[in-house]
N, C-alpha and C. Protein backbone atom coordinates (compact mmCIF):
# COMPACT_ATOMS: atom_id res chain seq x y z
N UNK A 1 36.73 31.42 -95.92
CA UNK A 1 37.46 32.48 -96.62
C UNK A 1 36.53 33.12 -97.65
N UNK A 2 36.51 34.43 -97.70
CA UNK A 2 35.65 35.13 -98.63
C UNK A 2 36.19 35.04 -100.05
N UNK A 3 35.31 34.65 -100.97
CA UNK A 3 35.71 34.56 -102.38
C UNK A 3 35.35 35.82 -103.13
N UNK A 4 34.83 36.80 -102.44
CA UNK A 4 34.42 38.03 -103.09
C UNK A 4 32.99 37.94 -103.59
N UNK A 5 32.58 38.88 -104.39
CA UNK A 5 31.21 38.94 -104.89
C UNK A 5 30.98 37.84 -105.92
N UNK A 6 29.75 37.33 -105.95
CA UNK A 6 29.42 36.29 -106.91
C UNK A 6 27.93 36.37 -107.23
N UNK A 7 27.52 35.68 -108.31
CA UNK A 7 26.13 35.73 -108.74
C UNK A 7 25.53 34.34 -108.81
N UNK A 8 24.20 34.29 -108.65
CA UNK A 8 23.42 33.07 -108.81
C UNK A 8 22.26 33.39 -109.74
N UNK A 9 22.08 32.59 -110.79
CA UNK A 9 20.99 32.82 -111.73
C UNK A 9 20.09 31.59 -111.75
N UNK A 10 18.79 31.82 -111.50
CA UNK A 10 17.81 30.75 -111.50
C UNK A 10 16.83 30.97 -112.65
N UNK A 11 15.75 30.19 -112.66
CA UNK A 11 14.80 30.23 -113.76
C UNK A 11 14.16 31.61 -113.91
N UNK A 12 13.74 32.19 -112.80
CA UNK A 12 13.00 33.45 -112.89
C UNK A 12 13.64 34.61 -112.13
N UNK A 13 14.89 34.42 -111.68
CA UNK A 13 15.54 35.51 -110.94
C UNK A 13 17.05 35.32 -110.93
N UNK A 14 17.73 36.38 -110.57
CA UNK A 14 19.17 36.33 -110.39
C UNK A 14 19.52 37.10 -109.14
N UNK A 15 20.55 36.65 -108.42
CA UNK A 15 20.95 37.32 -107.18
C UNK A 15 22.44 37.59 -107.22
N UNK A 16 22.82 38.81 -106.88
CA UNK A 16 24.22 39.19 -106.77
C UNK A 16 24.57 39.31 -105.29
N UNK A 17 25.56 38.53 -104.85
CA UNK A 17 26.03 38.57 -103.47
C UNK A 17 27.27 39.47 -103.42
N UNK A 18 27.24 40.46 -102.57
CA UNK A 18 28.29 41.47 -102.52
C UNK A 18 29.05 41.37 -101.21
N UNK A 19 30.33 41.04 -101.29
CA UNK A 19 31.18 40.92 -100.12
C UNK A 19 32.64 41.09 -100.54
N UNK A 20 33.50 41.59 -99.62
CA UNK A 20 34.92 41.79 -99.97
C UNK A 20 35.64 40.47 -100.15
N UNK A 21 36.66 40.47 -100.99
CA UNK A 21 37.53 39.30 -101.14
C UNK A 21 38.51 39.27 -99.97
N UNK A 22 38.93 38.08 -99.60
CA UNK A 22 39.85 37.92 -98.47
C UNK A 22 41.16 38.66 -98.70
N UNK A 23 41.67 38.62 -99.95
CA UNK A 23 42.94 39.28 -100.23
C UNK A 23 42.84 40.80 -100.13
N UNK A 24 41.64 41.34 -100.44
CA UNK A 24 41.46 42.78 -100.32
C UNK A 24 41.44 43.21 -98.85
N UNK A 25 40.88 42.35 -98.01
CA UNK A 25 40.78 42.69 -96.59
C UNK A 25 42.12 42.63 -95.88
N UNK A 26 43.09 41.91 -96.45
CA UNK A 26 44.41 41.81 -95.82
C UNK A 26 45.07 43.17 -95.68
N UNK A 27 44.81 44.05 -96.66
CA UNK A 27 45.42 45.38 -96.63
C UNK A 27 44.92 46.20 -95.45
N UNK A 28 43.78 45.83 -94.89
CA UNK A 28 43.20 46.60 -93.79
C UNK A 28 43.25 45.80 -92.49
N UNK A 29 44.11 44.79 -92.44
CA UNK A 29 44.16 43.91 -91.27
C UNK A 29 44.54 44.66 -89.99
N UNK A 30 45.47 45.60 -90.09
CA UNK A 30 45.91 46.32 -88.90
C UNK A 30 44.77 47.10 -88.26
N UNK A 31 43.99 47.78 -89.10
CA UNK A 31 42.87 48.55 -88.58
C UNK A 31 41.83 47.62 -87.95
N UNK A 32 41.62 46.48 -88.58
CA UNK A 32 40.64 45.53 -88.05
C UNK A 32 41.05 45.01 -86.68
N UNK A 33 42.36 44.86 -86.46
CA UNK A 33 42.85 44.39 -85.17
C UNK A 33 42.74 45.48 -84.11
N UNK A 34 43.11 46.72 -84.50
CA UNK A 34 43.09 47.83 -83.55
C UNK A 34 41.67 48.25 -83.18
N UNK A 35 40.84 48.39 -84.17
CA UNK A 35 39.47 48.86 -83.93
C UNK A 35 38.51 48.01 -84.76
N UNK A 36 38.19 46.82 -84.32
CA UNK A 36 37.35 45.90 -85.09
C UNK A 36 35.96 46.46 -85.40
N UNK A 37 35.38 47.21 -84.45
CA UNK A 37 34.06 47.78 -84.70
C UNK A 37 34.11 48.80 -85.83
N UNK A 38 35.16 49.62 -85.85
CA UNK A 38 35.30 50.63 -86.91
C UNK A 38 35.48 49.95 -88.26
N UNK A 39 36.27 48.87 -88.30
CA UNK A 39 36.50 48.15 -89.56
C UNK A 39 35.20 47.53 -90.06
N UNK A 40 34.42 46.96 -89.14
CA UNK A 40 33.13 46.36 -89.53
C UNK A 40 32.17 47.42 -90.04
N UNK A 41 32.16 48.61 -89.40
CA UNK A 41 31.31 49.70 -89.86
C UNK A 41 31.71 50.16 -91.26
N UNK A 42 33.02 50.20 -91.50
CA UNK A 42 33.51 50.60 -92.82
C UNK A 42 33.07 49.61 -93.88
N UNK A 43 33.18 48.32 -93.57
CA UNK A 43 32.76 47.29 -94.52
C UNK A 43 31.26 47.38 -94.79
N UNK A 44 30.49 47.58 -93.73
CA UNK A 44 29.03 47.67 -93.89
C UNK A 44 28.65 48.84 -94.80
N UNK A 45 29.24 50.01 -94.55
CA UNK A 45 28.93 51.19 -95.37
C UNK A 45 29.37 50.97 -96.82
N UNK A 46 30.54 50.36 -97.01
CA UNK A 46 31.04 50.13 -98.36
C UNK A 46 30.12 49.19 -99.13
N UNK A 47 29.68 48.13 -98.49
CA UNK A 47 28.79 47.16 -99.14
C UNK A 47 27.45 47.81 -99.49
N UNK A 48 26.89 48.55 -98.56
CA UNK A 48 25.58 49.17 -98.80
C UNK A 48 25.66 50.25 -99.88
N UNK A 49 26.75 51.00 -99.92
CA UNK A 49 26.93 51.98 -100.99
C UNK A 49 27.09 51.28 -102.34
N UNK A 50 27.78 50.14 -102.34
CA UNK A 50 27.95 49.38 -103.57
C UNK A 50 26.61 48.84 -104.06
N UNK A 51 25.76 48.42 -103.13
CA UNK A 51 24.42 47.95 -103.48
C UNK A 51 23.63 49.04 -104.21
N UNK A 52 23.67 50.26 -103.68
CA UNK A 52 22.94 51.37 -104.30
C UNK A 52 23.52 51.69 -105.67
N UNK A 53 24.86 51.67 -105.76
CA UNK A 53 25.54 51.93 -107.04
C UNK A 53 25.14 50.88 -108.07
N UNK A 54 25.14 49.61 -107.67
CA UNK A 54 24.84 48.53 -108.60
C UNK A 54 23.38 48.56 -109.03
N UNK A 55 22.48 48.84 -108.10
CA UNK A 55 21.06 48.89 -108.43
C UNK A 55 20.78 49.97 -109.49
N UNK A 56 21.41 51.14 -109.30
CA UNK A 56 21.24 52.22 -110.27
C UNK A 56 21.83 51.84 -111.62
N UNK A 57 23.00 51.22 -111.60
CA UNK A 57 23.69 50.86 -112.84
C UNK A 57 22.91 49.80 -113.62
N UNK A 58 22.42 48.78 -112.92
CA UNK A 58 21.67 47.71 -113.59
C UNK A 58 20.36 48.24 -114.17
N UNK A 59 19.65 49.05 -113.39
CA UNK A 59 18.38 49.60 -113.86
C UNK A 59 18.57 50.41 -115.13
N UNK A 60 19.62 51.22 -115.17
CA UNK A 60 19.89 52.04 -116.34
C UNK A 60 20.30 51.19 -117.54
N UNK A 61 21.19 50.21 -117.31
CA UNK A 61 21.69 49.38 -118.41
C UNK A 61 20.59 48.51 -119.01
N UNK A 62 19.81 47.87 -118.14
CA UNK A 62 18.74 46.99 -118.62
C UNK A 62 17.64 47.81 -119.29
N UNK A 63 17.31 48.95 -118.71
CA UNK A 63 16.29 49.81 -119.31
C UNK A 63 16.68 50.23 -120.72
N UNK A 64 17.95 50.59 -120.90
CA UNK A 64 18.44 51.00 -122.22
C UNK A 64 18.48 49.83 -123.18
N UNK A 65 18.96 48.68 -122.73
CA UNK A 65 19.10 47.52 -123.60
C UNK A 65 17.75 46.97 -124.05
N UNK A 66 16.82 46.89 -123.12
CA UNK A 66 15.53 46.26 -123.41
C UNK A 66 14.44 47.27 -123.77
N UNK A 67 14.79 48.56 -123.78
CA UNK A 67 13.82 49.62 -124.08
C UNK A 67 12.64 49.56 -123.12
N UNK A 68 12.99 49.57 -121.85
CA UNK A 68 12.01 49.52 -120.78
C UNK A 68 12.23 50.73 -119.87
N UNK A 69 11.18 51.32 -119.37
CA UNK A 69 11.31 52.44 -118.45
C UNK A 69 12.15 52.02 -117.24
N UNK A 70 13.11 52.86 -116.86
CA UNK A 70 14.01 52.53 -115.75
C UNK A 70 13.23 52.24 -114.47
N UNK A 71 12.16 52.99 -114.23
CA UNK A 71 11.38 52.77 -113.01
C UNK A 71 10.77 51.36 -112.98
N UNK A 72 10.45 50.82 -114.17
CA UNK A 72 9.90 49.47 -114.22
C UNK A 72 10.96 48.43 -113.88
N UNK A 73 12.20 48.67 -114.31
CA UNK A 73 13.30 47.75 -113.99
C UNK A 73 13.58 47.81 -112.49
N UNK A 74 13.56 49.01 -111.92
CA UNK A 74 13.83 49.17 -110.49
C UNK A 74 12.84 48.37 -109.65
N UNK A 75 11.59 48.24 -110.13
CA UNK A 75 10.59 47.49 -109.40
C UNK A 75 10.94 46.01 -109.34
N UNK A 76 11.80 45.55 -110.26
CA UNK A 76 12.23 44.15 -110.27
C UNK A 76 13.48 43.92 -109.42
N UNK A 77 14.09 44.99 -108.93
CA UNK A 77 15.32 44.90 -108.15
C UNK A 77 15.02 45.07 -106.67
N UNK A 78 15.52 44.14 -105.87
CA UNK A 78 15.28 44.19 -104.43
C UNK A 78 16.62 44.11 -103.70
N UNK A 79 16.92 45.14 -102.90
CA UNK A 79 18.19 45.19 -102.17
C UNK A 79 18.04 44.61 -100.78
N UNK A 80 19.08 43.90 -100.35
CA UNK A 80 19.17 43.38 -98.99
C UNK A 80 20.48 43.90 -98.39
N UNK A 81 20.46 45.11 -97.82
CA UNK A 81 21.68 45.70 -97.28
C UNK A 81 22.16 44.99 -96.02
N UNK A 82 23.41 45.26 -95.67
CA UNK A 82 23.99 44.69 -94.46
C UNK A 82 23.38 45.38 -93.25
N UNK A 83 22.90 44.60 -92.32
CA UNK A 83 22.31 45.15 -91.11
C UNK A 83 22.65 44.24 -89.95
N UNK A 84 23.93 44.25 -89.58
CA UNK A 84 24.39 43.35 -88.54
C UNK A 84 24.64 41.96 -89.09
N UNK A 85 25.24 41.10 -88.29
CA UNK A 85 25.49 39.73 -88.72
C UNK A 85 26.56 39.65 -89.78
N UNK A 86 26.37 38.72 -90.72
CA UNK A 86 27.36 38.51 -91.79
C UNK A 86 27.48 39.75 -92.66
N UNK A 87 28.71 40.11 -93.00
CA UNK A 87 28.96 41.29 -93.83
C UNK A 87 28.82 40.93 -95.30
N UNK A 88 27.58 40.68 -95.70
CA UNK A 88 27.28 40.39 -97.10
C UNK A 88 25.94 41.01 -97.47
N UNK A 89 25.95 41.79 -98.56
CA UNK A 89 24.71 42.36 -99.07
C UNK A 89 24.24 41.57 -100.27
N UNK A 90 22.97 41.69 -100.61
CA UNK A 90 22.43 40.97 -101.75
C UNK A 90 21.55 41.89 -102.59
N UNK A 91 21.56 41.65 -103.90
CA UNK A 91 20.67 42.36 -104.81
C UNK A 91 19.94 41.32 -105.64
N UNK A 92 18.64 41.23 -105.46
CA UNK A 92 17.81 40.25 -106.17
C UNK A 92 17.16 40.92 -107.37
N UNK A 93 17.12 40.23 -108.51
CA UNK A 93 16.56 40.77 -109.74
C UNK A 93 15.61 39.73 -110.33
N UNK A 94 14.32 40.06 -110.39
CA UNK A 94 13.35 39.17 -111.03
C UNK A 94 13.46 39.26 -112.54
N UNK A 95 13.82 38.18 -113.20
CA UNK A 95 14.04 38.21 -114.65
C UNK A 95 13.01 37.39 -115.42
N UNK A 96 11.89 37.05 -114.78
CA UNK A 96 10.80 36.45 -115.54
C UNK A 96 10.18 37.52 -116.43
N UNK A 97 9.49 37.13 -117.50
CA UNK A 97 8.95 38.12 -118.44
C UNK A 97 8.14 39.22 -117.75
N UNK A 98 8.30 40.43 -118.25
CA UNK A 98 7.64 41.61 -117.67
C UNK A 98 6.44 42.01 -118.54
N UNK A 99 5.36 42.40 -117.89
CA UNK A 99 4.21 42.90 -118.64
C UNK A 99 4.63 44.08 -119.52
N UNK A 100 4.29 44.02 -120.79
CA UNK A 100 4.70 45.07 -121.72
C UNK A 100 4.13 46.43 -121.34
N UNK A 101 2.99 46.43 -120.67
CA UNK A 101 2.37 47.71 -120.28
C UNK A 101 3.20 48.47 -119.26
N UNK A 102 4.17 47.77 -118.60
CA UNK A 102 5.02 48.43 -117.60
C UNK A 102 6.24 49.09 -118.25
N UNK A 103 6.46 48.82 -119.54
CA UNK A 103 7.66 49.32 -120.21
C UNK A 103 7.62 50.83 -120.44
N UNK A 104 6.44 51.42 -120.41
CA UNK A 104 6.31 52.84 -120.67
C UNK A 104 4.84 53.16 -120.91
N UNK A 105 4.52 54.40 -121.27
CA UNK A 105 3.12 54.77 -121.54
C UNK A 105 2.59 54.00 -122.75
N UNK A 106 1.47 53.32 -122.57
CA UNK A 106 0.86 52.57 -123.66
C UNK A 106 -0.15 53.46 -124.39
N UNK A 107 -0.21 53.31 -125.71
CA UNK A 107 -1.12 54.14 -126.51
C UNK A 107 -1.96 53.25 -127.42
N UNK A 108 -3.27 53.37 -127.28
CA UNK A 108 -4.18 52.59 -128.11
C UNK A 108 -4.38 53.28 -129.46
N UNK A 109 -4.25 52.52 -130.52
CA UNK A 109 -4.53 53.03 -131.86
C UNK A 109 -5.54 52.10 -132.53
N UNK A 110 -6.00 52.47 -133.70
CA UNK A 110 -6.96 51.62 -134.40
C UNK A 110 -6.31 50.31 -134.81
N UNK A 111 -4.98 50.35 -135.03
CA UNK A 111 -4.28 49.14 -135.47
C UNK A 111 -3.88 48.23 -134.32
N UNK A 112 -3.81 48.79 -133.10
CA UNK A 112 -3.38 47.98 -131.96
C UNK A 112 -2.87 48.86 -130.84
N UNK A 113 -1.79 48.44 -130.20
CA UNK A 113 -1.22 49.18 -129.06
C UNK A 113 0.27 49.38 -129.30
N UNK A 114 0.77 50.57 -128.99
CA UNK A 114 2.20 50.85 -129.06
C UNK A 114 2.69 51.21 -127.66
N UNK A 115 3.90 50.77 -127.34
CA UNK A 115 4.50 51.07 -126.05
C UNK A 115 6.01 50.91 -126.17
N UNK A 116 6.76 51.92 -125.74
CA UNK A 116 8.23 51.87 -125.70
C UNK A 116 8.82 51.37 -127.03
N UNK A 117 8.31 51.86 -128.14
CA UNK A 117 8.85 51.48 -129.44
C UNK A 117 8.37 50.14 -129.95
N UNK A 118 7.52 49.44 -129.21
CA UNK A 118 6.99 48.15 -129.63
C UNK A 118 5.56 48.33 -130.14
N UNK A 119 5.20 47.54 -131.14
CA UNK A 119 3.85 47.58 -131.67
C UNK A 119 3.21 46.21 -131.55
N UNK A 120 2.02 46.20 -130.99
CA UNK A 120 1.26 44.97 -130.85
C UNK A 120 -0.01 45.11 -131.69
N UNK A 121 0.07 44.65 -132.92
CA UNK A 121 -1.06 44.77 -133.85
C UNK A 121 -2.21 43.88 -133.39
N UNK A 122 -3.41 44.43 -133.49
CA UNK A 122 -4.60 43.69 -133.11
C UNK A 122 -4.83 43.61 -131.61
N UNK A 123 -3.96 44.22 -130.82
CA UNK A 123 -4.11 44.16 -129.37
C UNK A 123 -4.95 45.32 -128.86
N UNK A 124 -5.39 45.21 -127.62
CA UNK A 124 -6.13 46.30 -126.99
C UNK A 124 -5.62 46.50 -125.58
N UNK A 125 -5.74 47.73 -125.09
CA UNK A 125 -5.23 48.12 -123.78
C UNK A 125 -6.42 48.41 -122.87
N UNK A 126 -6.64 47.54 -121.89
CA UNK A 126 -7.78 47.73 -120.99
C UNK A 126 -7.60 46.89 -119.74
N UNK A 127 -8.45 47.13 -118.75
CA UNK A 127 -8.48 46.31 -117.54
C UNK A 127 -9.32 45.07 -117.82
N UNK A 128 -8.72 43.93 -117.69
CA UNK A 128 -9.45 42.68 -117.84
C UNK A 128 -9.58 42.00 -116.50
N UNK A 129 -8.42 41.89 -115.80
CA UNK A 129 -8.39 41.37 -114.45
C UNK A 129 -7.53 42.29 -113.60
N UNK A 130 -7.86 42.43 -112.35
CA UNK A 130 -7.08 43.28 -111.48
C UNK A 130 -7.43 44.74 -111.64
N UNK A 131 -6.61 45.59 -111.01
CA UNK A 131 -6.90 47.02 -110.99
C UNK A 131 -6.13 47.82 -112.03
N UNK A 132 -5.23 47.15 -112.77
CA UNK A 132 -4.42 47.85 -113.76
C UNK A 132 -4.71 47.36 -115.16
N UNK A 133 -4.65 48.27 -116.10
CA UNK A 133 -4.84 47.90 -117.51
C UNK A 133 -3.58 47.20 -118.03
N UNK A 134 -3.76 46.28 -118.95
CA UNK A 134 -2.65 45.59 -119.60
C UNK A 134 -2.93 45.50 -121.09
N UNK A 135 -1.95 45.01 -121.82
CA UNK A 135 -2.08 44.86 -123.26
C UNK A 135 -2.48 43.41 -123.56
N UNK A 136 -3.62 43.24 -124.21
CA UNK A 136 -4.17 41.91 -124.46
C UNK A 136 -4.44 41.72 -125.96
N UNK A 137 -4.52 40.46 -126.36
CA UNK A 137 -4.92 40.13 -127.71
C UNK A 137 -5.69 38.82 -127.67
N UNK A 138 -6.67 38.70 -128.51
CA UNK A 138 -7.38 37.43 -128.62
C UNK A 138 -6.48 36.46 -129.38
N UNK A 139 -6.33 35.26 -128.85
CA UNK A 139 -5.41 34.31 -129.49
C UNK A 139 -5.90 33.86 -130.86
N UNK A 140 -7.18 34.12 -131.15
CA UNK A 140 -7.71 33.78 -132.48
C UNK A 140 -7.40 34.85 -133.51
N UNK A 141 -6.84 35.98 -133.05
CA UNK A 141 -6.54 37.08 -133.97
C UNK A 141 -5.46 36.68 -134.97
N UNK A 142 -5.59 37.15 -136.19
CA UNK A 142 -4.57 36.85 -137.21
C UNK A 142 -3.25 37.54 -136.90
N UNK A 143 -3.27 38.52 -135.99
CA UNK A 143 -2.05 39.25 -135.62
C UNK A 143 -1.35 38.62 -134.42
N UNK A 144 -1.94 37.60 -133.85
CA UNK A 144 -1.33 36.99 -132.65
C UNK A 144 -0.02 36.29 -133.01
N UNK A 145 1.05 36.67 -132.28
CA UNK A 145 2.37 36.06 -132.44
C UNK A 145 2.85 35.67 -131.05
N UNK A 146 3.01 34.39 -130.81
CA UNK A 146 3.35 33.92 -129.47
C UNK A 146 4.67 34.51 -128.98
N UNK A 147 5.57 34.91 -129.89
CA UNK A 147 6.85 35.49 -129.48
C UNK A 147 6.65 36.80 -128.71
N UNK A 148 5.54 37.49 -128.96
CA UNK A 148 5.26 38.74 -128.26
C UNK A 148 4.56 38.50 -126.92
N UNK A 149 4.26 37.24 -126.63
CA UNK A 149 3.52 36.91 -125.41
C UNK A 149 4.21 35.75 -124.69
N UNK A 150 5.48 35.95 -124.30
CA UNK A 150 6.24 34.86 -123.65
C UNK A 150 5.69 34.50 -122.29
N UNK A 151 6.07 33.31 -121.83
CA UNK A 151 5.66 32.83 -120.51
C UNK A 151 4.14 32.68 -120.43
N UNK A 152 3.52 32.29 -121.54
CA UNK A 152 2.09 32.09 -121.57
C UNK A 152 1.79 30.62 -121.82
N UNK A 153 0.75 30.13 -121.20
CA UNK A 153 0.38 28.74 -121.41
C UNK A 153 -1.13 28.61 -121.35
N UNK A 154 -1.68 27.73 -122.18
CA UNK A 154 -3.12 27.52 -122.18
C UNK A 154 -3.50 26.80 -120.91
N UNK A 155 -4.46 27.36 -120.20
CA UNK A 155 -4.87 26.76 -118.93
C UNK A 155 -6.38 26.70 -118.86
N UNK A 156 -6.86 25.88 -117.96
CA UNK A 156 -8.28 25.79 -117.71
C UNK A 156 -8.74 27.06 -117.03
N UNK A 157 -9.97 27.44 -117.26
CA UNK A 157 -10.51 28.64 -116.62
C UNK A 157 -10.48 28.50 -115.11
N UNK A 158 -10.52 27.26 -114.61
CA UNK A 158 -10.56 27.03 -113.17
C UNK A 158 -9.17 26.96 -112.54
N UNK A 159 -8.16 26.77 -113.37
CA UNK A 159 -6.82 26.60 -112.83
C UNK A 159 -6.03 27.89 -112.85
N UNK A 160 -4.79 27.88 -112.32
CA UNK A 160 -3.94 29.07 -112.36
C UNK A 160 -3.52 29.39 -113.78
N UNK A 161 -3.26 30.65 -114.05
CA UNK A 161 -2.88 31.05 -115.40
C UNK A 161 -1.76 32.05 -115.35
N UNK A 162 -0.97 32.12 -116.43
CA UNK A 162 0.14 33.08 -116.48
C UNK A 162 0.25 33.63 -117.89
N UNK A 163 -0.77 34.38 -118.30
CA UNK A 163 -0.70 34.99 -119.62
C UNK A 163 -1.93 34.69 -120.46
N UNK A 164 -2.28 33.43 -120.62
CA UNK A 164 -3.44 33.07 -121.41
C UNK A 164 -4.65 33.09 -120.47
N UNK A 165 -5.56 34.03 -120.69
CA UNK A 165 -6.68 34.21 -119.79
C UNK A 165 -7.99 34.04 -120.55
N UNK A 166 -8.96 33.42 -119.94
CA UNK A 166 -10.27 33.29 -120.57
C UNK A 166 -11.13 34.46 -120.13
N UNK A 167 -11.62 35.24 -121.08
CA UNK A 167 -12.46 36.38 -120.77
C UNK A 167 -13.92 35.92 -120.78
N UNK A 168 -14.50 35.76 -119.60
CA UNK A 168 -15.85 35.30 -119.38
C UNK A 168 -16.03 33.81 -119.66
N UNK A 169 -15.39 33.29 -120.68
CA UNK A 169 -15.52 31.86 -120.97
C UNK A 169 -14.29 31.40 -121.74
N UNK A 170 -14.16 30.07 -121.86
CA UNK A 170 -13.02 29.52 -122.58
C UNK A 170 -13.14 29.69 -124.09
N UNK A 171 -14.23 30.26 -124.53
CA UNK A 171 -14.43 30.46 -125.98
C UNK A 171 -13.64 31.64 -126.50
N UNK A 172 -13.22 32.54 -125.62
CA UNK A 172 -12.53 33.76 -126.05
C UNK A 172 -11.21 33.92 -125.30
N UNK A 173 -10.24 33.03 -125.51
CA UNK A 173 -8.97 33.14 -124.78
C UNK A 173 -8.18 34.38 -125.19
N UNK A 174 -7.53 34.96 -124.20
CA UNK A 174 -6.70 36.14 -124.41
C UNK A 174 -5.27 35.84 -124.00
N UNK A 175 -4.33 36.57 -124.57
CA UNK A 175 -2.93 36.49 -124.16
C UNK A 175 -2.48 37.89 -123.76
N UNK A 176 -1.70 37.96 -122.69
CA UNK A 176 -1.18 39.24 -122.21
C UNK A 176 0.21 39.47 -122.80
N UNK A 177 0.44 40.66 -123.34
CA UNK A 177 1.75 40.99 -123.93
C UNK A 177 2.80 41.12 -122.84
N UNK A 178 3.92 40.43 -123.04
CA UNK A 178 5.02 40.49 -122.08
C UNK A 178 6.34 40.65 -122.82
N UNK A 179 7.36 41.06 -122.07
CA UNK A 179 8.70 41.26 -122.63
C UNK A 179 9.65 40.29 -121.95
N UNK A 180 10.33 39.48 -122.74
CA UNK A 180 11.28 38.53 -122.19
C UNK A 180 12.53 39.25 -121.71
N UNK A 181 13.04 38.82 -120.56
CA UNK A 181 14.28 39.39 -120.02
C UNK A 181 15.42 38.37 -120.05
N UNK A 182 15.27 37.34 -120.89
CA UNK A 182 16.31 36.31 -120.97
C UNK A 182 17.67 36.87 -121.37
N UNK A 183 17.68 37.97 -122.14
CA UNK A 183 18.95 38.55 -122.58
C UNK A 183 19.76 39.11 -121.43
N UNK A 184 19.14 39.26 -120.27
CA UNK A 184 19.84 39.80 -119.10
C UNK A 184 20.74 38.75 -118.45
N UNK A 185 20.39 37.48 -118.57
CA UNK A 185 21.08 36.40 -117.87
C UNK A 185 22.60 36.42 -118.02
N UNK A 186 23.15 36.58 -119.24
CA UNK A 186 24.61 36.52 -119.39
C UNK A 186 25.37 37.63 -118.67
N UNK A 187 24.67 38.68 -118.24
CA UNK A 187 25.35 39.83 -117.65
C UNK A 187 25.68 39.66 -116.17
N UNK A 188 25.09 38.69 -115.51
CA UNK A 188 25.27 38.58 -114.06
C UNK A 188 26.72 38.36 -113.66
N UNK A 189 27.43 37.52 -114.39
CA UNK A 189 28.84 37.28 -114.06
C UNK A 189 29.66 38.55 -114.23
N UNK A 190 29.40 39.29 -115.31
CA UNK A 190 30.13 40.54 -115.53
C UNK A 190 29.80 41.55 -114.44
N UNK A 191 28.55 41.62 -114.02
CA UNK A 191 28.16 42.55 -112.95
C UNK A 191 28.88 42.21 -111.65
N UNK A 192 29.03 40.91 -111.36
CA UNK A 192 29.71 40.52 -110.13
C UNK A 192 31.18 40.92 -110.16
N UNK A 193 31.81 40.90 -111.34
CA UNK A 193 33.21 41.34 -111.46
C UNK A 193 33.31 42.84 -111.25
N UNK A 194 32.37 43.59 -111.78
CA UNK A 194 32.38 45.04 -111.60
C UNK A 194 32.18 45.40 -110.12
N UNK A 195 31.38 44.60 -109.45
CA UNK A 195 31.10 44.85 -108.03
C UNK A 195 32.38 44.80 -107.21
N UNK A 196 33.24 43.82 -107.47
CA UNK A 196 34.48 43.70 -106.69
C UNK A 196 35.34 44.95 -106.80
N UNK A 197 35.45 45.50 -108.02
CA UNK A 197 36.27 46.69 -108.22
C UNK A 197 35.67 47.90 -107.50
N UNK A 198 34.36 48.08 -107.62
CA UNK A 198 33.70 49.22 -106.98
C UNK A 198 33.71 49.06 -105.46
N UNK A 199 33.51 47.84 -104.98
CA UNK A 199 33.51 47.60 -103.53
C UNK A 199 34.89 47.88 -102.94
N UNK A 200 35.95 47.49 -103.63
CA UNK A 200 37.30 47.75 -103.14
C UNK A 200 37.56 49.25 -103.07
N UNK A 201 37.12 49.99 -104.08
CA UNK A 201 37.30 51.45 -104.08
C UNK A 201 36.59 52.08 -102.88
N UNK A 202 35.35 51.68 -102.65
CA UNK A 202 34.60 52.24 -101.53
C UNK A 202 35.13 51.75 -100.19
N UNK A 203 35.62 50.53 -100.16
CA UNK A 203 36.18 50.00 -98.91
C UNK A 203 37.42 50.80 -98.49
N UNK A 204 38.28 51.14 -99.46
CA UNK A 204 39.45 51.96 -99.17
C UNK A 204 39.03 53.31 -98.60
N UNK A 205 38.03 53.91 -99.23
CA UNK A 205 37.56 55.22 -98.78
C UNK A 205 37.00 55.15 -97.37
N UNK A 206 36.17 54.14 -97.09
CA UNK A 206 35.55 54.03 -95.78
C UNK A 206 36.56 53.64 -94.70
N UNK A 207 37.52 52.78 -95.05
CA UNK A 207 38.57 52.42 -94.09
C UNK A 207 39.44 53.62 -93.76
N UNK A 208 39.78 54.41 -94.77
CA UNK A 208 40.57 55.62 -94.54
C UNK A 208 39.83 56.60 -93.64
N UNK A 209 38.52 56.69 -93.85
CA UNK A 209 37.70 57.56 -93.01
C UNK A 209 37.76 57.12 -91.55
N UNK A 210 37.62 55.80 -91.32
CA UNK A 210 37.67 55.28 -89.96
C UNK A 210 39.07 55.45 -89.37
N UNK A 211 40.09 55.28 -90.19
CA UNK A 211 41.47 55.44 -89.71
C UNK A 211 41.74 56.88 -89.29
N UNK A 212 41.26 57.83 -90.08
CA UNK A 212 41.44 59.25 -89.74
C UNK A 212 40.73 59.57 -88.43
N UNK A 213 39.54 59.01 -88.24
CA UNK A 213 38.82 59.23 -86.98
C UNK A 213 39.60 58.64 -85.81
N UNK A 214 40.16 57.45 -86.02
CA UNK A 214 40.92 56.78 -84.97
C UNK A 214 42.17 57.57 -84.61
N UNK A 215 42.92 58.01 -85.65
CA UNK A 215 44.14 58.77 -85.40
C UNK A 215 43.86 60.13 -84.76
N UNK A 216 42.77 60.74 -85.15
CA UNK A 216 42.40 62.02 -84.57
C UNK A 216 42.09 61.85 -83.08
N UNK A 217 41.40 60.76 -82.75
CA UNK A 217 41.10 60.51 -81.34
C UNK A 217 42.34 60.14 -80.56
N UNK A 218 43.24 59.36 -81.19
CA UNK A 218 44.47 58.94 -80.51
C UNK A 218 45.37 60.12 -80.23
N UNK A 219 45.37 61.14 -81.13
CA UNK A 219 46.26 62.30 -80.94
C UNK A 219 45.87 63.15 -79.75
N UNK A 220 44.61 63.00 -79.30
CA UNK A 220 44.15 63.81 -78.16
C UNK A 220 44.48 63.13 -76.82
N UNK A 221 44.88 61.85 -76.92
CA UNK A 221 45.19 61.12 -75.68
C UNK A 221 46.50 61.56 -75.10
């Protein structure tokens, strides 16, 4: 039995599962019996439209709350629309800390780097590793504040790293500026409740569309 939409939140991601509740589908039982393919098509379209609606809504809300460019939030959202099989769509959201340089245009000043209303004193904006520039600071700097560099850990130059990087040698460790998305976690349950209401609205619309097509065809018989 379908319990409706629900969410799962893990250490570095959250997933919203989008599907109709069993009680909502009862109202469309007659159509499902008469034309099961049409009913399934209506459910598929409703779920996929809800996915697009939710992705846009989350990107806008999180961007506004965390002062992050909406396009950067969208890059963390991955949709899995219905494409045959089980009538359930999914929206995955990576909520591990985001590089601060992705929040908006970064600007280097003599005092440090500014981006999306944030100031990183003593930091510099340049390419250290990879093909993209990021915001870095030497951990020996008097302006270094670990709160501005979440998800960082001291690692050996030979081992994997996630934030604390050795530039040429272990004598000059750097930290990459990141933005924590932990504040997003409490919203997943609320988003799943909103999904049920929007999905039911779209399901009614899509079912009515299929019913009108069915009745129009039946009237010609």
